[in-house]
Amino acid sequence: SGLAEAERDRIFEPFFTTKPNGMGMGLMFCRTVI
């Protein structure tokens, strides 16, 4: 489905998620590790 323009800059923020049951920590963890 791709990324909405408004979401692309926020998906790496903690607790921000586009999934109904997401925690918003996964991508933040990925960026932190990388």
PDB file of all heavy atoms in Angstrom:
ATOM      1  N   SER A   1       0.805  -1.224   0.000  1.00  0.00           N
ATOM      2  CA  SER A   1       0.000   0.000   0.000  1.00  0.00           C
ATOM      3  C   SER A   1       0.839   1.276   0.000  1.00  0.00           C
ATOM      4  O   SER A   1       0.313   2.358  -0.244  1.00  0.00           O
ATOM      5  CB  SER A   1      -0.931  -0.004   1.223  1.00  0.00           C
ATOM      6  OG  SER A   1      -0.183  -0.211   2.410  1.00  0.00           O
ATOM      7  N   GLY A   2       2.127   1.164   0.292  1.00  0.00           N
ATOM      8  CA  GLY A   2       2.986   2.338   0.260  1.00  0.00           C
ATOM      9  C   GLY A   2       2.842   3.220   1.488  1.00  0.00           C
ATOM     10  O   GLY A   2       2.147   2.885   2.449  1.00  0.00           O
ATOM     11  N   LEU A   3       3.524   4.380   1.458  1.00  0.00           N
ATOM     12  CA  LEU A   3       3.549   5.309   2.586  1.00  0.00           C
ATOM     13  C   LEU A   3       2.906   6.629   2.178  1.00  0.00           C
ATOM     14  O   LEU A   3       3.210   7.171   1.107  1.00  0.00           O
ATOM     15  CB  LEU A   3       4.987   5.570   3.039  1.00  0.00           C
ATOM     16  CG  LEU A   3       5.772   4.366   3.578  1.00  0.00           C
ATOM     17  CD1 LEU A   3       7.235   4.739   3.762  1.00  0.00           C
ATOM     18  CD2 LEU A   3       5.180   3.889   4.890  1.00  0.00           C
ATOM     19  N   ALA A   4       2.018   7.110   3.018  1.00  0.00           N
ATOM     20  CA  ALA A   4       1.449   8.431   2.781  1.00  0.00           C
ATOM     21  C   ALA A   4       2.509   9.498   3.030  1.00  0.00           C
ATOM     22  O   ALA A   4       3.438   9.299   3.823  1.00  0.00           O
ATOM     23  CB  ALA A   4       0.238   8.654   3.689  1.00  0.00           C
ATOM     24  N   GLU A   5       2.366  10.638   2.360  1.00  0.00           N
ATOM     25  CA  GLU A   5       3.363  11.700   2.476  1.00  0.00           C
ATOM     26  C   GLU A   5       3.502  12.163   3.923  1.00  0.00           C
ATOM     27  O   GLU A   5       4.615  12.420   4.406  1.00  0.00           O
ATOM     28  CB  GLU A   5       2.962  12.878   1.571  1.00  0.00           C
ATOM     29  CG  GLU A   5       4.014  13.967   1.469  1.00  0.00           C
ATOM     30  CD  GLU A   5       5.266  13.495   0.757  1.00  0.00           C
ATOM     31  OE1 GLU A   5       5.161  12.583  -0.086  1.00  0.00           O
ATOM     32  OE2 GLU A   5       6.356  14.025   1.059  1.00  0.00           O
ATOM     33  N   ALA A   6       2.368  12.225   4.628  1.00  0.00           N
ATOM     34  CA  ALA A   6       2.411  12.707   6.009  1.00  0.00           C
ATOM     35  C   ALA A   6       3.030  11.687   6.947  1.00  0.00           C
ATOM     36  O   ALA A   6       3.492  12.042   8.039  1.00  0.00           O
ATOM     37  CB  ALA A   6       0.991  13.047   6.480  1.00  0.00           C
ATOM     38  N   GLU A   7       3.050  10.419   6.555  1.00  0.00           N
ATOM     39  CA  GLU A   7       3.577   9.369   7.430  1.00  0.00           C
ATOM     40  C   GLU A   7       5.076   9.179   7.272  1.00  0.00           C
ATOM     41  O   GLU A   7       5.745   8.720   8.197  1.00  0.00           O
ATOM     42  CB  GLU A   7       2.875   8.046   7.128  1.00  0.00           C
ATOM     43  CG  GLU A   7       1.384   8.052   7.399  1.00  0.00           C
ATOM     44  CD  GLU A   7       0.721   6.779   6.910  1.00  0.00           C
ATOM     45  OE1 GLU A   7       1.434   5.979   6.251  1.00  0.00           O
ATOM     46  OE2 GLU A   7      -0.471   6.570   7.185  1.00  0.00           O
ATOM     47  N   ARG A   8       5.610   9.518   6.106  1.00  0.00           N
ATOM     48  CA  ARG A   8       6.992   9.140   5.802  1.00  0.00           C
ATOM     49  C   ARG A   8       7.992   9.756   6.778  1.00  0.00           C
ATOM     50  O   ARG A   8       9.000   9.154   7.106  1.00  0.00           O
ATOM     51  CB  ARG A   8       7.327   9.563   4.364  1.00  0.00           C
ATOM     52  CG  ARG A   8       8.651   8.993   3.867  1.00  0.00           C
ATOM     53  CD  ARG A   8       8.913   9.335   2.411  1.00  0.00           C
ATOM     54  NE  ARG A   8       7.865   8.829   1.551  1.00  0.00           N
ATOM     55  CZ  ARG A   8       7.080   9.575   0.806  1.00  0.00           C
ATOM     56  NH1 ARG A   8       7.208  10.895   0.822  1.00  0.00           N
ATOM     57  NH2 ARG A   8       6.152   9.046   0.043  1.00  0.00           N
ATOM     58  N   ASP A   9       7.693  10.966   7.259  1.00  0.00           N
ATOM     59  CA  ASP A   9       8.618  11.635   8.164  1.00  0.00           C
ATOM     60  C   ASP A   9       8.395  11.259   9.622  1.00  0.00           C
ATOM     61  O   ASP A   9       9.196  11.628  10.478  1.00  0.00           O
ATOM     62  CB  ASP A   9       8.484  13.159   8.007  1.00  0.00           C
ATOM     63  CG  ASP A   9       8.888  13.632   6.619  1.00  0.00           C
ATOM     64  OD1 ASP A   9       9.761  12.990   6.010  1.00  0.00           O
ATOM     65  OD2 ASP A   9       8.305  14.630   6.157  1.00  0.00           O
ATOM     66  N   ARG A  10       7.325  10.521   9.911  1.00  0.00           N
ATOM     67  CA  ARG A  10       7.010  10.214  11.310  1.00  0.00           C
ATOM     68  C   ARG A  10       7.143   8.742  11.666  1.00  0.00           C
ATOM     69  O   ARG A  10       7.039   8.382  12.836  1.00  0.00           O
ATOM     70  CB  ARG A  10       5.576  10.656  11.623  1.00  0.00           C
ATOM     71  CG  ARG A  10       5.322  12.142  11.462  1.00  0.00           C
ATOM     72  CD  ARG A  10       3.983  12.502  12.092  1.00  0.00           C
ATOM     73  NE  ARG A  10       3.960  12.156  13.516  1.00  0.00           N
ATOM     74  CZ  ARG A  10       2.848  12.044  14.235  1.00  0.00           C
ATOM     75  NH1 ARG A  10       1.680  12.236  13.648  1.00  0.00           N
ATOM     76  NH2 ARG A  10       2.895  11.722  15.513  1.00  0.00           N
ATOM     77  N   ILE A  11       7.334   7.882  10.660  1.00  0.00           N
ATOM     78  CA  ILE A  11       7.295   6.446  10.939  1.00  0.00           C
ATOM     79  C   ILE A  11       8.424   5.988  11.849  1.00  0.00           C
ATOM     80  O   ILE A  11       8.318   4.929  12.473  1.00  0.00           O
ATOM     81  CB  ILE A  11       7.328   5.633   9.631  1.00  0.00           C
ATOM     82  CG1 ILE A  11       8.550   6.036   8.780  1.00  0.00           C
ATOM     83  CG2 ILE A  11       6.041   5.810   8.856  1.00  0.00           C
ATOM     84  CD1 ILE A  11       8.695   5.200   7.529  1.00  0.00           C
ATOM     85  N   PHE A  12       9.488   6.773  11.949  1.00  0.00           N
ATOM     86  CA  PHE A  12      10.593   6.383  12.822  1.00  0.00           C
ATOM     87  C   PHE A  12      10.475   6.985  14.224  1.00  0.00           C
ATOM     88  O   PHE A  12      11.359   6.780  15.054  1.00  0.00           O
ATOM     89  CB  PHE A  12      11.934   6.786  12.200  1.00  0.00           C
ATOM     90  CG  PHE A  12      12.228   6.071  10.905  1.00  0.00           C
ATOM     91  CD1 PHE A  12      12.040   6.699   9.686  1.00  0.00           C
ATOM     92  CD2 PHE A  12      12.663   4.761  10.918  1.00  0.00           C
ATOM     93  CE1 PHE A  12      12.301   6.039   8.498  1.00  0.00           C
ATOM     94  CE2 PHE A  12      12.942   4.090   9.733  1.00  0.00           C
ATOM     95  CZ  PHE A  12      12.750   4.737   8.515  1.00  0.00           C
ATOM     96  N   GLU A  13       9.393   7.728  14.452  1.00  0.00           N
ATOM     97  CA  GLU A  13       9.198   8.293  15.783  1.00  0.00           C
ATOM     98  C   GLU A  13       8.663   7.222  16.735  1.00  0.00           C
ATOM     99  O   GLU A  13       7.914   6.333  16.325  1.00  0.00           O
ATOM    100  CB  GLU A  13       8.194   9.452  15.721  1.00  0.00           C
ATOM    101  CG  GLU A  13       8.666  10.642  14.916  1.00  0.00           C
ATOM    102  CD  GLU A  13       7.624  11.743  14.863  1.00  0.00           C
ATOM    103  OE1 GLU A  13       6.569  11.578  15.527  1.00  0.00           O
ATOM    104  OE2 GLU A  13       7.849  12.740  14.166  1.00  0.00           O
ATOM    105  N   PRO A  14       9.046   7.300  18.014  1.00  0.00           N
ATOM    106  CA  PRO A  14       8.514   6.319  18.972  1.00  0.00           C
ATOM    107  C   PRO A  14       7.006   6.473  19.146  1.00  0.00           C
ATOM    108  O   PRO A  14       6.475   7.583  19.146  1.00  0.00           O
ATOM    109  CB  PRO A  14       9.266   6.631  20.269  1.00  0.00           C
ATOM    110  CG  PRO A  14       9.735   8.033  20.112  1.00  0.00           C
ATOM    111  CD  PRO A  14       9.994   8.227  18.651  1.00  0.00           C
ATOM    112  N   PHE A  15       6.335   5.342  19.241  1.00  0.00           N
ATOM    113  CA  PHE A  15       4.903   5.232  19.489  1.00  0.00           C
ATOM    114  C   PHE A  15       4.039   5.707  18.321  1.00  0.00           C
ATOM    115  O   PHE A  15       2.823   5.782  18.452  1.00  0.00           O
ATOM    116  CB  PHE A  15       4.485   5.978  20.765  1.00  0.00           C
ATOM    117  CG  PHE A  15       5.257   5.560  21.977  1.00  0.00           C
ATOM    118  CD1 PHE A  15       6.141   6.434  22.576  1.00  0.00           C
ATOM    119  CD2 PHE A  15       5.114   4.285  22.498  1.00  0.00           C
ATOM    120  CE1 PHE A  15       6.874   6.043  23.683  1.00  0.00           C
ATOM    121  CE2 PHE A  15       5.833   3.897  23.612  1.00  0.00           C
ATOM    122  CZ  PHE A  15       6.717   4.769  24.205  1.00  0.00           C
ATOM    123  N   PHE A  16       4.660   6.004  17.167  1.00  0.00           N
ATOM    124  CA  PHE A  16       3.864   6.309  15.979  1.00  0.00           C
ATOM    125  C   PHE A  16       3.753   5.049  15.126  1.00  0.00           C
ATOM    126  O   PHE A  16       4.755   4.426  14.802  1.00  0.00           O
ATOM    127  CB  PHE A  16       4.511   7.423  15.149  1.00  0.00           C
ATOM    128  CG  PHE A  16       3.733   7.730  13.894  1.00  0.00           C
ATOM    129  CD1 PHE A  16       2.634   8.570  13.930  1.00  0.00           C
ATOM    130  CD2 PHE A  16       4.080   7.153  12.679  1.00  0.00           C
ATOM    131  CE1 PHE A  16       1.909   8.850  12.779  1.00  0.00           C
ATOM    132  CE2 PHE A  16       3.365   7.426  11.533  1.00  0.00           C
ATOM    133  CZ  PHE A  16       2.280   8.277  11.585  1.00  0.00           C
ATOM    134  N   THR A  17       2.523   4.660  14.774  1.00  0.00           N
ATOM    135  CA  THR A  17       2.321   3.433  14.013  1.00  0.00           C
ATOM    136  C   THR A  17       1.166   3.612  13.045  1.00  0.00           C
ATOM    137  O   THR A  17       0.243   4.397  13.302  1.00  0.00           O
ATOM    138  CB  THR A  17       2.034   2.238  14.952  1.00  0.00           C
ATOM    139  OG1 THR A  17       1.819   1.068  14.158  1.00  0.00           O
ATOM    140  CG2 THR A  17       0.796   2.491  15.808  1.00  0.00           C
ATOM    141  N   THR A  18       1.216   2.914  11.921  1.00  0.00           N
ATOM    142  CA  THR A  18       0.128   2.890  10.957  1.00  0.00           C
ATOM    143  C   THR A  18      -0.681   1.602  11.061  1.00  0.00           C
ATOM    144  O   THR A  18      -1.626   1.410  10.299  1.00  0.00           O
ATOM    145  CB  THR A  18       0.679   3.006   9.526  1.00  0.00           C
ATOM    146  OG1 THR A  18       1.588   1.917   9.283  1.00  0.00           O
ATOM    147  CG2 THR A  18       1.406   4.325   9.337  1.00  0.00           C
ATOM    148  N   LYS A  19      -0.316   0.711  11.965  1.00  0.00           N
ATOM    149  CA  LYS A  19      -1.028  -0.554  12.154  1.00  0.00           C
ATOM    150  C   LYS A  19      -2.055  -0.403  13.266  1.00  0.00           C
ATOM    151  O   LYS A  19      -1.796   0.277  14.258  1.00  0.00           O
ATOM    152  CB  LYS A  19      -0.048  -1.679  12.510  1.00  0.00           C
ATOM    153  CG  LYS A  19       1.024  -1.927  11.457  1.00  0.00           C
ATOM    154  CD  LYS A  19       1.959  -3.034  11.909  1.00  0.00           C
ATOM    155  CE  LYS A  19       3.070  -3.274  10.912  1.00  0.00           C
ATOM    156  NZ  LYS A  19       3.993  -4.343  11.361  1.00  0.00           N
ATOM    157  N   PRO A  20      -3.201  -1.070  13.121  1.00  0.00           N
ATOM    158  CA  PRO A  20      -4.242  -0.951  14.158  1.00  0.00           C
ATOM    159  C   PRO A  20      -3.760  -1.396  15.533  1.00  0.00           C
ATOM    160  O   PRO A  20      -4.137  -0.799  16.547  1.00  0.00           O
ATOM    161  CB  PRO A  20      -5.362  -1.856  13.638  1.00  0.00           C
ATOM    162  CG  PRO A  20      -5.131  -1.967  12.179  1.00  0.00           C
ATOM    163  CD  PRO A  20      -3.652  -1.872  11.980  1.00  0.00           C
ATOM    164  N   ASN A  21      -2.920  -2.441  15.573  1.00  0.00           N
ATOM    165  CA  ASN A  21      -2.478  -2.975  16.862  1.00  0.00           C
ATOM    166  C   ASN A  21      -0.976  -2.794  17.075  1.00  0.00           C
ATOM    167  O   ASN A  21      -0.369  -3.513  17.875  1.00  0.00           O
ATOM    168  CB  ASN A  21      -2.832  -4.468  16.964  1.00  0.00           C
ATOM    169  CG  ASN A  21      -4.320  -4.704  16.872  1.00  0.00           C
ATOM    170  OD1 ASN A  21      -5.095  -3.977  17.479  1.00  0.00           O
ATOM    171  ND2 ASN A  21      -4.726  -5.705  16.104  1.00  0.00           N
ATOM    172  N   GLY A  22      -0.373  -1.862  16.343  1.00  0.00           N
ATOM    173  CA  GLY A  22       1.065  -1.660  16.480  1.00  0.00           C
ATOM    174  C   GLY A  22       1.430  -0.847  17.707  1.00  0.00           C
ATOM    175  O   GLY A  22       0.619  -0.097  18.252  1.00  0.00           O
ATOM    176  N   MET A  23       2.696  -1.003  18.144  1.00  0.00           N
ATOM    177  CA  MET A  23       3.193  -0.247  19.295  1.00  0.00           C
ATOM    178  C   MET A  23       3.970   0.990  18.883  1.00  0.00           C
ATOM    179  O   MET A  23       4.202   1.876  19.685  1.00  0.00           O
ATOM    180  CB  MET A  23       4.093  -1.140  20.159  1.00  0.00           C
ATOM    181  CG  MET A  23       3.349  -2.255  20.883  1.00  0.00           C
ATOM    182  SD  MET A  23       4.454  -3.175  21.972  1.00  0.00           S
ATOM    183  CE  MET A  23       4.912  -1.893  23.130  1.00  0.00           C
ATOM    184  N   GLY A  24       4.390   1.032  17.605  1.00  0.00           N
ATOM    185  CA  GLY A  24       5.167   2.179  17.158  1.00  0.00           C
ATOM    186  C   GLY A  24       6.595   2.174  17.654  1.00  0.00           C
ATOM    187  O   GLY A  24       7.220   3.240  17.774  1.00  0.00           O
ATOM    188  N   MET A  25       7.147   0.993  17.934  1.00  0.00           N
ATOM    189  CA  MET A  25       8.518   0.904  18.450  1.00  0.00           C
ATOM    190  C   MET A  25       9.448   0.189  17.480  1.00  0.00           C
ATOM    191  O   MET A  25      10.660   0.289  17.606  1.00  0.00           O
ATOM    192  CB  MET A  25       8.516   0.153  19.793  1.00  0.00           C
ATOM    193  CG  MET A  25       7.673   0.805  20.879  1.00  0.00           C
ATOM    194  SD  MET A  25       8.280   2.426  21.361  1.00  0.00           S
ATOM    195  CE  MET A  25       9.760   1.964  22.257  1.00  0.00           C
ATOM    196  N   GLY A  26       8.899  -0.576  16.513  1.00  0.00           N
ATOM    197  CA  GLY A  26       9.731  -1.406  15.650  1.00  0.00           C
ATOM    198  C   GLY A  26      10.698  -0.614  14.797  1.00  0.00           C
ATOM    199  O   GLY A  26      11.905  -0.868  14.793  1.00  0.00           O
ATOM    200  N   LEU A  27      10.187   0.369  14.040  1.00  0.00           N
ATOM    201  CA  LEU A  27      11.067   1.147  13.163  1.00  0.00           C
ATOM    202  C   LEU A  27      11.997   2.048  13.972  1.00  0.00           C
ATOM    203  O   LEU A  27      13.129   2.312  13.556  1.00  0.00           O
ATOM    204  CB  LEU A  27      10.230   1.973  12.188  1.00  0.00           C
ATOM    205  CG  LEU A  27       9.537   1.165  11.085  1.00  0.00           C
ATOM    206  CD1 LEU A  27       8.645   2.062  10.241  1.00  0.00           C
ATOM    207  CD2 LEU A  27      10.566   0.460  10.211  1.00  0.00           C
ATOM    208  N   MET A  28      11.540   2.535  15.121  1.00  0.00           N
ATOM    209  CA  MET A  28      12.422   3.309  15.983  1.00  0.00           C
ATOM    210  C   MET A  28      13.593   2.446  16.448  1.00  0.00           C
ATOM    211  O   MET A  28      14.752   2.881  16.447  1.00  0.00           O
ATOM    212  CB  MET A  28      11.656   3.838  17.183  1.00  0.00           C
ATOM    213  CG  MET A  28      12.461   4.815  18.048  1.00  0.00           C
ATOM    214  SD  MET A  28      11.979   4.803  19.784  1.00  0.00           S
ATOM    215  CE  MET A  28      12.641   3.235  20.308  1.00  0.00           C
ATOM    216  N   PHE A  29      13.286   1.186  16.808  1.00  0.00           N
ATOM    217  CA  PHE A  29      14.351   0.266  17.207  1.00  0.00           C
ATOM    218  C   PHE A  29      15.313   0.029  16.051  1.00  0.00           C
ATOM    219  O   PHE A  29      16.544   0.030  16.231  1.00  0.00           O
ATOM    220  CB  PHE A  29      13.727  -1.062  17.657  1.00  0.00           C
ATOM    221  CG  PHE A  29      14.706  -2.176  17.809  1.00  0.00           C
ATOM    222  CD1 PHE A  29      15.470  -2.315  18.950  1.00  0.00           C
ATOM    223  CD2 PHE A  29      14.884  -3.098  16.784  1.00  0.00           C
ATOM    224  CE1 PHE A  29      16.384  -3.347  19.084  1.00  0.00           C
ATOM    225  CE2 PHE A  29      15.795  -4.128  16.909  1.00  0.00           C
ATOM    226  CZ  PHE A  29      16.549  -4.255  18.059  1.00  0.00           C
ATOM    227  N   CYS A  30      14.769  -0.171  14.834  1.00  0.00           N
ATOM    228  CA  CYS A  30      15.633  -0.423  13.676  1.00  0.00           C
ATOM    229  C   CYS A  30      16.588   0.744  13.428  1.00  0.00           C
ATOM    230  O   CYS A  30      17.797   0.543  13.219  1.00  0.00           O
ATOM    231  CB  CYS A  30      14.773  -0.679  12.435  1.00  0.00           C
ATOM    232  SG  CYS A  30      13.819  -2.202  12.508  1.00  0.00           S
ATOM    233  N   ARG A  31      16.054   1.950  13.435  1.00  0.00           N
ATOM    234  CA  ARG A  31      16.918   3.116  13.184  1.00  0.00           C
ATOM    235  C   ARG A  31      17.953   3.281  14.294  1.00  0.00           C
ATOM    236  O   ARG A  31      19.116   3.608  14.037  1.00  0.00           O
ATOM    237  CB  ARG A  31      16.073   4.379  13.051  1.00  0.00           C
ATOM    238  CG  ARG A  31      16.878   5.641  12.966  1.00  0.00           C
ATOM    239  CD  ARG A  31      16.058   6.853  12.569  1.00  0.00           C
ATOM    240  NE  ARG A  31      15.897   6.926  11.120  1.00  0.00           N
ATOM    241  CZ  ARG A  31      15.292   7.946  10.500  1.00  0.00           C
ATOM    242  NH1 ARG A  31      14.786   8.931  11.209  1.00  0.00           N
ATOM    243  NH2 ARG A  31      15.186   7.965   9.184  1.00  0.00           N
ATOM    244  N   THR A  32      17.530   3.035  15.560  1.00  0.00           N
ATOM    245  CA  THR A  32      18.469   3.148  16.679  1.00  0.00           C
ATOM    246  C   THR A  32      19.626   2.182  16.507  1.00  0.00           C
ATOM    247  O   THR A  32      20.802   2.535  16.705  1.00  0.00           O
ATOM    248  CB  THR A  32      17.743   2.876  18.010  1.00  0.00           C
ATOM    249  OG1 THR A  32      16.691   3.820  18.165  1.00  0.00           O
ATOM    250  CG2 THR A  32      18.707   2.987  19.181  1.00  0.00           C
ATOM    251  N   VAL A  33      19.336   0.945  16.149  1.00  0.00           N
ATOM    252  CA  VAL A  33      20.388  -0.064  15.970  1.00  0.00           C
ATOM    253  C   VAL A  33      21.306   0.309  14.815  1.00  0.00           C
ATOM    254  O   VAL A  33      22.535   0.266  14.937  1.00  0.00           O
ATOM    255  CB  VAL A  33      19.750  -1.451  15.745  1.00  0.00           C
ATOM    256  CG1 VAL A  33      20.802  -2.465  15.304  1.00  0.00           C
ATOM    257  CG2 VAL A  33      19.059  -1.935  17.017  1.00  0.00           C
ATOM    258  N   ILE A  34      20.702   0.678  13.667  1.00  0.00           N
ATOM    259  CA  ILE A  34      21.515   0.985  12.490  1.00  0.00           C
ATOM    260  C   ILE A  34      22.416   2.196  12.755  1.00  0.00           C
ATOM    261  O   ILE A  34      23.621   2.196  12.416  1.00  0.00           O
ATOM    262  CB  ILE A  34      20.619   1.229  11.266  1.00  0.00           C
ATOM    263  CG1 ILE A  34      19.890  -0.061  10.872  1.00  0.00           C
ATOM    264  CG2 ILE A  34      21.436   1.746  10.087  1.00  0.00           C
ATOM    265  CD1 ILE A  34      20.802  -1.202  10.510  1.00  0.00           C
TER     266      ILE A  34
END
